[in-house]
Amino acid sequence: MPGIPPWAHDLGWWAVFIFLFAVVFPRAQATYWLGRAAVSGALQTRWRGRLEGPGMVRAQAYLDRWGPWGVPASFLTIGFQTLVQLAAGMGRMRYSVYTLAMIPGCVAWAGIYTGFGYAAFQLVLRFTWVAAIALVIASAIVTVIVVRRRRSVESVVRTPR
């Protein structure tokens, strides 16, 4: 395939999986430790509102219900997984229990993103013109959404009360 060095093509999806696992593992650990630090002192700072918001309340209730089993399942979600990792740290889940529960979640996350990501990458390489059209369409959609939101905010600000 043009554009890919032969050694990278030979590595295949295993290289992508290992890379993504190497990304998600320290990220999840850092989020857990950030939650531990939050209990130690960050709740006394301007971050308090975010660490005690409705998302965190949901994540803590989720962990109260599912315990360590909720950690790997959270990796199948988008966004909520970060709150669960924070809640595990804030709830002082034992580090060994958290890490053992987190590893299957990291494997699942890396596997899912490897499958979709690698497939998308292969499609881009084979059908560059389709990828270019998709990028233009996605950019147009994002632009329309941003412009509409800005206009709605401006109209709310200008409306007298």
Protein backbone atom coordinates (compact mmCIF):
# COMPACT_ATOMS: atom_id res chain seq x y z
CA MET A 1 0.00 0.00 0.00
CA PRO A 2 1.33 3.42 -0.85
CA GLY A 3 2.09 5.72 2.05
CA ILE A 4 2.67 3.03 4.65
CA PRO A 5 6.21 1.87 5.36
CA PRO A 6 6.47 -1.91 4.81
CA TRP A 7 7.49 -2.55 8.42
CA ALA A 8 4.35 -0.77 9.72
CA HIS A 9 2.11 -2.69 7.34
CA ASP A 10 3.72 -5.96 8.45
CA LEU A 11 2.97 -5.20 12.10
CA GLY A 12 -0.74 -5.03 11.34
CA TRP A 13 -3.49 -4.54 13.84
CA TRP A 14 -1.53 -6.04 16.75
CA ALA A 15 0.72 -2.99 16.73
CA VAL A 16 -2.33 -0.73 16.84
CA PHE A 17 -3.84 -2.77 19.69
CA ILE A 18 -0.63 -2.66 21.73
CA PHE A 19 -0.29 1.08 21.11
CA LEU A 20 -3.87 1.77 22.20
CA PHE A 21 -3.50 -0.43 25.28
CA ALA A 22 -0.32 1.53 26.11
CA VAL A 23 -2.38 4.73 25.83
CA VAL A 24 -5.46 3.69 27.82
CA PHE A 25 -3.69 1.96 30.72
CA PRO A 26 -1.72 4.99 31.99
CA ARG A 27 -4.66 7.29 31.21
CA ALA A 28 -6.99 5.21 33.39
CA GLN A 29 -4.38 5.01 36.15
CA ALA A 30 -3.82 8.77 36.04
CA THR A 31 -7.57 9.39 36.24
CA TYR A 32 -7.85 7.07 39.24
CA TRP A 33 -4.98 8.85 41.01
CA LEU A 34 -6.50 12.22 40.15
CA GLY A 35 -9.62 11.03 41.96
CA ARG A 36 -7.51 10.04 44.95
CA ALA A 37 -5.85 13.45 44.91
CA ALA A 38 -9.24 15.14 44.69
CA VAL A 39 -10.23 13.69 48.01
CA SER A 40 -6.94 14.84 49.48
CA GLY A 41 -7.17 18.47 48.47
CA ALA A 42 -8.69 19.37 45.13
CA LEU A 43 -12.15 19.59 46.71
CA GLN A 44 -10.87 22.73 48.40
CA THR A 45 -10.16 24.40 45.03
CA ARG A 46 -12.15 25.72 42.07
CA TRP A 47 -12.43 22.13 40.75
CA ARG A 48 -14.93 21.26 43.47
CA GLY A 49 -17.95 21.96 41.25
CA ARG A 50 -16.79 19.54 38.58
CA LEU A 51 -15.82 16.84 41.05
CA GLU A 52 -19.18 17.01 42.80
CA GLY A 53 -21.40 17.52 39.74
CA PRO A 54 -24.27 15.32 38.58
CA GLY A 55 -22.00 13.16 36.42
CA MET A 56 -19.84 12.29 39.41
CA VAL A 57 -22.89 11.55 41.53
CA ARG A 58 -24.06 9.11 38.82
CA ALA A 59 -20.61 7.52 38.60
CA GLN A 60 -20.39 7.07 42.37
CA ALA A 61 -23.87 5.53 42.48
CA TYR A 62 -22.85 3.23 39.61
CA LEU A 63 -19.78 2.04 41.53
CA ASP A 64 -21.81 1.67 44.72
CA ARG A 65 -24.15 -0.65 42.84
CA TRP A 66 -21.66 -2.64 40.73
CA GLY A 67 -18.43 -2.35 42.75
CA PRO A 68 -15.24 -3.37 40.97
CA TRP A 69 -17.29 -5.06 38.21
CA GLY A 70 -18.40 -1.63 37.09
CA VAL A 71 -14.86 -0.55 36.25
CA PRO A 72 -14.27 -2.80 33.19
CA ALA A 73 -17.86 -2.28 32.01
CA SER A 74 -17.32 1.49 32.08
CA PHE A 75 -14.72 1.16 29.33
CA LEU A 76 -17.55 0.28 26.94
CA THR A 77 -18.95 3.80 27.33
CA ILE A 78 -17.80 7.14 26.03
CA GLY A 79 -17.23 9.87 28.60
CA PHE A 80 -18.78 8.02 31.54
CA GLN A 81 -15.68 5.83 31.86
CA THR A 82 -13.61 8.83 32.95
CA LEU A 83 -16.13 9.67 35.65
CA VAL A 84 -16.09 6.06 36.87
CA GLN A 85 -12.27 6.09 37.06
CA LEU A 86 -12.42 9.35 39.05
CA ALA A 87 -15.14 7.96 41.29
CA ALA A 88 -13.08 4.84 41.96
CA GLY A 89 -10.22 7.03 43.11
CA MET A 90 -12.44 9.38 45.09
CA GLY A 91 -14.17 6.41 46.72
CA ARG A 92 -10.76 5.07 47.70
CA MET A 93 -11.25 1.74 45.94
CA ARG A 94 -8.20 -0.35 46.83
CA TYR A 95 -5.50 0.14 44.21
CA SER A 96 -4.96 -3.59 43.65
CA VAL A 97 -8.69 -4.22 43.18
CA TYR A 98 -9.01 -1.23 40.85
CA THR A 99 -6.03 -2.26 38.72
CA LEU A 100 -7.21 -5.88 38.41
CA ALA A 101 -10.67 -4.64 37.43
CA MET A 102 -9.25 -2.05 35.04
CA ILE A 103 -7.08 -4.39 32.94
CA PRO A 104 -9.98 -6.23 31.22
CA GLY A 105 -11.57 -2.85 30.53
CA CYS A 106 -8.35 -1.60 28.93
CA VAL A 107 -8.18 -4.73 26.78
CA ALA A 108 -11.80 -4.27 25.68
CA TRP A 109 -11.29 -0.56 24.95
CA ALA A 110 -8.13 -1.19 22.93
CA GLY A 111 -9.84 -4.01 21.05
CA ILE A 112 -12.89 -1.94 20.15
CA TYR A 113 -10.87 1.06 19.02
CA THR A 114 -8.40 -1.15 17.17
CA GLY A 115 -11.20 -2.82 15.23
CA PHE A 116 -12.97 0.38 14.25
CA GLY A 117 -9.83 2.50 13.97
CA TYR A 118 -7.85 0.04 11.91
CA ALA A 119 -10.81 -0.57 9.62
CA ALA A 120 -11.31 3.17 9.14
CA PHE A 121 -7.61 3.66 8.45
CA GLN A 122 -7.65 0.90 5.82
CA LEU A 123 -10.72 2.46 4.20
CA VAL A 124 -9.03 5.86 4.08
CA LEU A 125 -6.01 4.32 2.38
CA ARG A 126 -8.10 2.47 -0.19
CA PHE A 127 -10.74 5.12 -0.79
CA THR A 128 -9.02 8.45 -0.23
CA TRP A 129 -11.64 10.37 -2.19
CA VAL A 130 -14.43 8.98 0.01
CA ALA A 131 -12.51 10.02 3.11
CA ALA A 132 -12.02 13.51 1.68
CA ILE A 133 -15.76 13.84 0.96
CA ALA A 134 -16.61 12.54 4.45
CA LEU A 135 -14.22 15.08 5.98
CA VAL A 136 -15.81 17.93 4.02
CA ILE A 137 -19.32 16.81 5.05
CA ALA A 138 -18.32 16.43 8.71
CA SER A 139 -16.67 19.87 8.67
CA ALA A 140 -19.80 21.41 7.19
CA ILE A 141 -22.01 19.79 9.83
CA VAL A 142 -19.77 20.98 12.66
CA THR A 143 -19.70 24.50 11.20
CA VAL A 144 -23.50 24.63 10.95
CA ILE A 145 -23.89 23.40 14.55
CA VAL A 146 -21.36 25.91 15.91
CA VAL A 147 -22.90 28.83 14.00
CA ARG A 148 -26.45 27.93 15.13
CA ARG A 149 -25.38 27.62 18.77
CA ARG A 150 -23.58 30.95 18.69
CA ARG A 151 -26.61 32.64 17.14
CA SER A 152 -28.95 31.13 19.73
CA VAL A 153 -26.67 32.28 22.57
CA GLU A 154 -26.45 35.77 21.05
CA SER A 155 -30.23 35.95 20.73
CA VAL A 156 -30.69 34.94 24.37
CA VAL A 157 -28.14 37.53 25.49
CA ARG A 158 -29.81 40.30 23.40
CA THR A 159 -33.35 39.48 24.49
CA PRO A 160 -34.46 41.98 27.16
CA ARG A 161 -35.96 40.55 30.31
